[in-house]
């Protein structure tokens, strides 16, 4: 996957997106040399081409995992509220 800096992406956005759309090009977007995101083609179903799972299903799975292991009598919201005081 080719790396592209934020500045270059900004200057050549139309050309880069055309390559993604028409040629299936993939880019890792960098900021000060560090990866911050990816530009990848979207497949016919509308999901990202290298997406391996449904993010909402992953959230539900993690929620259930946290719920199953929760040991406090207080809710997470109550604990966060107390921490903010």
Protein backbone atom coordinates (compact mmCIF):
# COMPACT_ATOMS: atom_id res chain seq x y z
CA UNK A 1 0.00 0.00 0.00
CA UNK A 2 1.48 3.31 -1.08
CA UNK A 3 1.97 6.04 1.54
CA UNK A 4 0.77 9.56 0.89
CA UNK A 5 1.18 12.61 3.09
CA UNK A 6 -1.76 14.75 4.17
CA UNK A 7 -0.41 17.74 2.23
CA UNK A 8 -0.03 15.76 -0.99
CA UNK A 9 -3.53 14.31 -0.52
CA UNK A 10 -4.93 17.81 -0.14
CA UNK A 11 -3.15 19.08 -3.25
CA UNK A 12 -4.05 16.09 -5.46
CA UNK A 13 -7.31 14.83 -3.94
CA UNK A 14 -9.24 14.51 -7.22
CA UNK A 15 -6.46 12.61 -8.97
CA UNK A 16 -5.86 10.32 -6.00
CA UNK A 17 -9.56 9.53 -5.57
CA UNK A 18 -9.82 8.80 -9.30
CA UNK A 19 -7.03 6.24 -8.94
CA UNK A 20 -8.79 4.66 -5.96
CA UNK A 21 -12.11 4.54 -7.82
CA UNK A 22 -10.90 3.48 -11.27
CA UNK A 23 -7.70 1.54 -10.59
CA UNK A 24 -8.35 0.17 -7.11
CA UNK A 25 -5.35 2.06 -5.73
CA UNK A 26 -4.82 1.91 -1.97
CA UNK A 27 -3.08 4.52 0.15
CA UNK A 28 -1.92 4.85 3.72
CA UNK A 29 -2.35 8.51 4.65
CA UNK A 30 0.43 9.90 6.85
CA UNK A 31 0.81 12.98 9.04
CA UNK A 32 4.41 13.90 9.86
CA UNK A 33 5.41 10.46 8.57
CA UNK A 34 3.05 8.53 10.85
CA UNK A 35 0.06 6.58 9.49
CA UNK A 36 -3.31 8.17 10.35
CA UNK A 37 -5.74 6.54 7.92
CA UNK A 38 -6.32 4.59 4.75
CA UNK A 39 -7.92 5.25 1.39
CA UNK A 40 -9.25 2.02 -0.08
CA UNK A 41 -11.82 1.14 -2.74
CA UNK A 42 -15.37 0.33 -1.73
CA UNK A 43 -16.77 -2.91 -3.13
CA UNK A 44 -20.12 -3.32 -4.83
CA UNK A 45 -21.98 -4.00 -1.57
CA UNK A 46 -20.81 -0.66 -0.19
CA UNK A 47 -18.45 -2.11 2.43
CA UNK A 48 -14.75 -1.31 2.50
CA UNK A 49 -12.82 -3.82 0.44
CA UNK A 50 -10.62 -5.09 3.28
CA UNK A 51 -13.23 -4.77 6.03
CA UNK A 52 -13.43 -8.12 7.81
CA UNK A 53 -16.29 -7.52 10.21
CA UNK A 54 -19.29 -5.37 10.94
CA UNK A 55 -18.22 -2.62 13.39
CA UNK A 56 -21.64 -2.61 15.08
CA UNK A 57 -21.48 -6.36 15.67
CA UNK A 58 -18.00 -5.90 17.12
CA UNK A 59 -19.37 -3.21 19.49
CA UNK A 60 -22.18 -5.55 20.58
CA UNK A 61 -19.68 -8.36 21.18
CA UNK A 62 -17.42 -6.11 23.25
CA UNK A 63 -20.40 -4.77 25.20
CA UNK A 64 -21.47 -8.31 26.09
CA UNK A 65 -17.90 -9.20 27.08
CA UNK A 66 -17.70 -6.18 29.41
CA UNK A 67 -21.14 -6.91 30.84
CA UNK A 68 -20.23 -10.54 31.56
CA UNK A 69 -17.09 -9.52 33.45
CA UNK A 70 -18.52 -6.47 35.27
CA UNK A 71 -17.92 -6.78 39.01
CA UNK A 72 -18.88 -3.37 40.40
CA UNK A 73 -22.26 -2.59 41.88
CA UNK A 74 -22.09 0.79 40.14
CA UNK A 75 -22.62 1.27 36.43
CA UNK A 76 -19.84 2.49 34.18
CA UNK A 77 -21.71 5.77 33.79
CA UNK A 78 -21.82 6.25 37.58
CA UNK A 79 -18.10 5.55 37.88
CA UNK A 80 -17.27 8.03 35.09
CA UNK A 81 -19.50 10.69 36.67
CA UNK A 82 -17.67 10.30 39.99
CA UNK A 83 -14.29 10.55 38.27
CA UNK A 84 -15.28 13.85 36.64
CA UNK A 85 -16.12 15.53 39.93
